[in-house]
Amino acid sequence: MKTTKSPSGKSVYSTQSPAVQAAIIATVAMVLFSVVPPSVRLLSDTMSSWQIVFIRAVFGTIGIGLFFLWTGLHKLKSRQMKVHVVRSTFNFVGMVMWFWALAHIELAKGIAIHFTMPLFIVLFAVIFLRERIGLYRLIAMLVGFGGVLIILRPGAIDTGLPELAILSSAALYGGAVVFLKKVVADETPAAVTFYTNLFMALGCLVPTVILWAPLTAADILPVLGLSVCGLFAPF
């Protein structure tokens, strides 16, 4: 497959502005992430959320570990291990809550609620990183918050544990993104993803052993969708 090139000989992607490149990467990531919820929903019929997170994390740890065996384990050296642990904890707890909720709520509704994550990212960036938000970003936040109210309709319908779990998960993921800004300058995306998966696997180990359910032939495709897309989407 040939890479599309501009008249100058460079790839079309490399000739785009950083903003356009970021938008392209974000779009690809969203496509990959979109495979995860239905995969989780299928696996939730027979597995606990702990085991599903564990499988995803182990696959990620092994996959990226093999990459570093090839390119050099010295690239895993980190001066911010404490930040990795805290960020991974946020990710780990948020993912367990997210996966659990997906088994107890309509998929479309759950995904819509989880789109509140950017609101939490902006909020935490203002509080902890002292970032300023302009008028347009403020308007976008208010519109997003209004959308959440439309979905949840507080007072009109009951808001149960799945909805609250997804909101909490979105907040924890938002916190993880803020912590990411503290390590991304000194660490490669692969190293960050490796430590995130490693610590998540360790966090899920004991509950997974206790609640382990054998995998069946029907689990193969959802496990692959969850693991492969869940691994590459964060990049």
Protein backbone atom coordinates (compact mmCIF):
# COMPACT_ATOMS: atom_id res chain seq x y z
CA MET A 1 0.00 0.00 0.00
CA LYS A 2 1.54 3.30 -1.10
CA THR A 3 1.52 6.36 1.10
CA THR A 4 -0.22 9.32 -0.52
CA LYS A 5 2.30 12.06 -1.19
CA SER A 6 2.11 15.71 -2.06
CA PRO A 7 3.89 17.19 -5.12
CA SER A 8 6.88 17.98 -2.86
CA GLY A 9 7.41 14.27 -2.20
CA LYS A 10 6.28 14.42 1.43
CA SER A 11 3.34 12.46 2.77
CA VAL A 12 0.06 14.37 2.88
CA TYR A 13 -0.07 13.88 6.66
CA SER A 14 3.38 15.42 7.25
CA THR A 15 2.45 18.54 5.28
CA GLN A 16 -0.52 19.31 7.53
CA SER A 17 -0.40 21.78 10.40
CA PRO A 18 0.08 20.39 13.94
CA ALA A 19 -3.59 21.11 14.68
CA VAL A 20 -4.75 19.09 11.64
CA GLN A 21 -2.34 16.26 12.48
CA ALA A 22 -3.70 16.18 16.03
CA ALA A 23 -7.26 16.08 14.69
CA ILE A 24 -6.40 13.14 12.40
CA ILE A 25 -4.76 11.22 15.23
CA ALA A 26 -7.69 11.96 17.55
CA THR A 27 -10.14 10.71 14.91
CA VAL A 28 -8.24 7.45 14.46
CA ALA A 29 -8.07 7.04 18.25
CA MET A 30 -11.83 7.55 18.55
CA VAL A 31 -12.46 4.90 15.88
CA LEU A 32 -10.29 2.44 17.80
CA PHE A 33 -11.88 3.38 21.13
CA SER A 34 -15.34 2.81 19.63
CA VAL A 35 -14.59 -0.91 19.36
CA VAL A 36 -14.00 -1.23 23.12
CA PRO A 37 -17.52 -0.68 24.60
CA PRO A 38 -19.32 -3.30 22.47
CA SER A 39 -16.47 -5.75 23.12
CA VAL A 40 -16.80 -5.16 26.86
CA ARG A 41 -20.56 -5.58 26.67
CA LEU A 42 -20.19 -8.99 25.01
CA LEU A 43 -17.58 -10.17 27.52
CA SER A 44 -19.62 -8.93 30.49
CA ASP A 45 -22.07 -11.80 30.03
CA THR A 46 -19.50 -14.24 31.44
CA MET A 47 -16.70 -12.16 33.01
CA SER A 48 -16.33 -9.65 35.81
CA SER A 49 -15.13 -6.13 35.00
CA TRP A 50 -11.93 -6.97 36.91
CA GLN A 51 -11.10 -9.80 34.55
CA ILE A 52 -11.91 -7.75 31.46
CA VAL A 53 -9.61 -4.93 32.58
CA PHE A 54 -6.95 -7.50 33.52
CA ILE A 55 -7.03 -9.13 30.07
CA ARG A 56 -6.77 -5.77 28.37
CA ALA A 57 -3.92 -4.65 30.62
CA VAL A 58 -1.93 -7.89 30.32
CA PHE A 59 -2.19 -7.81 26.53
CA GLY A 60 -0.99 -4.21 26.54
CA THR A 61 1.89 -4.92 28.93
CA ILE A 62 3.12 -7.87 26.88
CA GLY A 63 2.66 -6.12 23.54
CA ILE A 64 4.54 -2.98 24.52
CA GLY A 65 7.06 -5.01 26.53
CA LEU A 66 8.02 -6.88 23.35
CA PHE A 67 8.40 -3.53 21.59
CA PHE A 68 10.90 -2.39 24.24
CA LEU A 69 12.76 -5.71 24.11
CA TRP A 70 13.32 -4.93 20.45
CA THR A 71 14.14 -1.22 20.74
CA GLY A 72 15.92 -1.28 24.11
CA LEU A 73 14.73 -1.71 27.70
CA HIS A 74 16.70 1.39 28.74
CA LYS A 75 13.89 3.46 27.22
CA LEU A 76 11.64 2.32 30.06
CA LYS A 77 13.73 4.14 32.64
CA SER A 78 11.56 6.76 34.31
CA ARG A 79 12.21 9.61 36.73
CA GLN A 80 8.51 10.04 37.45
CA MET A 81 7.46 6.62 38.69
CA LYS A 82 5.25 8.09 41.43
CA VAL A 83 3.30 10.05 38.82
CA HIS A 84 2.94 6.86 36.78
CA VAL A 85 1.52 5.04 39.82
CA VAL A 86 -0.98 7.81 40.60
CA ARG A 87 -2.04 8.17 36.97
CA SER A 88 -2.39 4.41 36.56
CA THR A 89 -4.53 4.25 39.70
CA PHE A 90 -6.89 6.85 38.26
CA ASN A 91 -7.01 4.91 34.99
CA PHE A 92 -7.44 1.56 36.70
CA VAL A 93 -10.32 2.56 38.98
CA GLY A 94 -11.98 4.53 36.20
CA MET A 95 -11.77 1.62 33.77
CA VAL A 96 -13.18 -0.92 36.24
CA MET A 97 -16.14 1.40 36.92
CA TRP A 98 -16.61 2.09 33.20
CA PHE A 99 -16.55 -1.58 32.20
CA TRP A 100 -18.87 -2.55 35.06
CA ALA A 101 -21.38 0.14 34.10
CA LEU A 102 -21.39 -0.92 30.44
CA ALA A 103 -22.92 -4.23 31.50
CA HIS A 104 -25.79 -2.50 33.31
CA ILE A 105 -26.82 0.36 31.03
CA GLU A 106 -27.82 1.00 27.43
CA LEU A 107 -24.63 1.19 25.40
CA ALA A 108 -25.55 4.43 23.61
CA LYS A 109 -26.50 6.14 26.86
CA GLY A 110 -23.35 4.98 28.61
CA ILE A 111 -21.08 6.23 25.82
CA ALA A 112 -22.92 9.56 25.70
CA ILE A 113 -22.44 10.09 29.44
CA HIS A 114 -18.77 9.14 29.20
CA PHE A 115 -18.27 11.95 26.69
CA THR A 116 -18.30 14.23 29.75
CA MET A 117 -14.63 13.37 30.14
CA PRO A 118 -13.43 16.46 28.17
CA LEU A 119 -15.42 18.64 30.59
CA PHE A 120 -13.51 17.16 33.52
CA ILE A 121 -10.21 17.53 31.66
CA VAL A 122 -10.78 21.25 31.15
CA LEU A 123 -11.99 21.69 34.73
CA PHE A 124 -8.98 19.89 36.22
CA ALA A 125 -6.58 21.70 33.88
CA VAL A 126 -7.89 25.02 35.19
CA ILE A 127 -7.72 23.92 38.83
CA PHE A 128 -4.44 22.00 38.89
CA LEU A 129 -2.47 23.25 35.87
CA ARG A 130 -3.66 26.87 36.12
CA GLU A 131 -4.65 26.87 32.46
CA ARG A 132 -6.90 29.63 31.21
CA ILE A 133 -10.08 28.90 29.31
CA GLY A 134 -11.31 31.27 26.65
CA LEU A 135 -14.87 32.23 25.88
CA TYR A 136 -15.34 29.57 23.19
CA ARG A 137 -14.08 26.79 25.43
CA LEU A 138 -16.33 28.00 28.24
CA ILE A 139 -19.34 27.98 25.90
CA ALA A 140 -18.40 24.47 24.73
CA MET A 141 -18.24 23.31 28.35
CA LEU A 142 -21.67 24.76 29.13
CA VAL A 143 -23.17 23.16 26.02
CA GLY A 144 -21.59 19.84 26.96
CA PHE A 145 -22.93 20.09 30.50
CA GLY A 146 -26.37 20.87 29.10
CA GLY A 147 -26.13 17.76 26.96
CA VAL A 148 -25.40 15.67 30.05
CA LEU A 149 -28.48 17.07 31.78
CA ILE A 150 -30.59 16.20 28.73
CA ILE A 151 -29.30 12.62 28.80
CA LEU A 152 -29.65 12.11 32.55
CA ARG A 153 -32.83 14.21 32.93
CA PRO A 154 -32.45 14.53 36.71
CA GLY A 155 -35.83 14.32 38.41
CA ALA A 156 -37.55 12.98 35.28
CA ILE A 157 -35.89 9.55 35.34
CA ASP A 158 -34.03 7.66 38.03
CA THR A 159 -30.27 8.03 37.97
CA GLY A 160 -28.78 4.81 39.27
CA LEU A 161 -25.37 3.40 40.05
CA PRO A 162 -24.39 2.74 36.40
CA GLU A 163 -24.87 6.41 35.48
CA LEU A 164 -22.98 7.58 38.56
CA ALA A 165 -20.22 5.04 37.91
CA ILE A 166 -19.77 6.34 34.36
CA LEU A 167 -19.63 9.96 35.53
CA SER A 168 -17.06 8.98 38.16
CA SER A 169 -15.11 7.07 35.53
CA ALA A 170 -15.10 10.11 33.23
CA ALA A 171 -13.81 12.26 36.09
CA LEU A 172 -11.05 9.75 36.90
CA TYR A 173 -10.05 9.52 33.24
CA GLY A 174 -9.96 13.32 33.16
CA GLY A 175 -7.61 13.28 36.14
CA ALA A 176 -5.42 10.73 34.39
CA VAL A 177 -5.12 13.01 31.35
CA VAL A 178 -4.04 15.91 33.58
CA PHE A 179 -1.36 13.70 35.16
CA LEU A 180 -0.31 12.69 31.65
CA LYS A 181 0.74 16.28 31.00
CA LYS A 182 3.23 15.93 33.85
CA VAL A 183 5.01 12.97 32.27
CA VAL A 184 4.55 13.39 28.53
CA ALA A 185 7.43 15.87 28.22
CA ASP A 186 9.98 13.36 29.58
CA GLU A 187 8.46 10.01 28.57
CA THR A 188 7.54 8.44 25.24
CA PRO A 189 3.89 7.51 24.60
CA ALA A 190 4.95 3.85 24.54
CA ALA A 191 6.57 4.09 28.00
CA VAL A 192 3.52 5.84 29.46
CA THR A 193 1.20 3.20 27.99
CA PHE A 194 3.45 0.38 29.24
CA TYR A 195 3.42 1.56 32.86
CA THR A 196 -0.31 2.28 32.73
CA ASN A 197 -1.04 -1.27 31.58
CA LEU A 198 1.46 -2.83 33.99
CA PHE A 199 0.04 -1.15 37.09
CA MET A 200 -3.55 -1.79 35.98
CA ALA A 201 -2.76 -5.50 35.57
CA LEU A 202 -1.24 -5.62 39.05
CA GLY A 203 -4.25 -3.81 40.51
CA CYS A 204 -6.69 -6.32 38.97
CA LEU A 205 -4.65 -9.45 39.69
CA VAL A 206 -6.17 -10.58 43.01
CA PRO A 207 -9.86 -9.92 42.14
CA THR A 208 -9.33 -11.58 38.75
CA VAL A 209 -7.87 -14.74 40.30
CA ILE A 210 -10.80 -14.93 42.72
CA LEU A 211 -13.48 -14.26 40.09
CA TRP A 212 -11.79 -15.91 37.10
CA ALA A 213 -14.11 -17.26 34.39
CA PRO A 214 -12.64 -19.50 31.65
CA LEU A 215 -12.56 -18.00 28.16
CA THR A 216 -14.69 -19.61 25.46
CA ALA A 217 -14.50 -19.62 21.67
CA ALA A 218 -17.16 -16.90 21.58
CA ASP A 219 -14.87 -14.64 23.62
CA ILE A 220 -12.00 -14.63 21.10
CA LEU A 221 -13.21 -11.81 18.83
CA PRO A 222 -14.32 -9.46 21.65
CA VAL A 223 -11.05 -10.11 23.50
CA LEU A 224 -9.06 -9.26 20.36
CA GLY A 225 -11.15 -6.15 19.72
CA LEU A 226 -10.76 -5.00 23.31
CA SER A 227 -7.05 -5.78 23.53
CA VAL A 228 -5.78 -4.61 20.13
CA CYS A 229 -7.88 -1.45 19.88
CA GLY A 230 -7.44 -0.71 23.58
CA LEU A 231 -3.68 -0.98 23.14
CA PHE A 232 -3.23 1.26 20.09
CA ALA A 233 -5.92 3.87 20.74
CA PRO A 234 -4.01 5.69 23.55
CA PHE A 235 -1.03 6.25 21.25
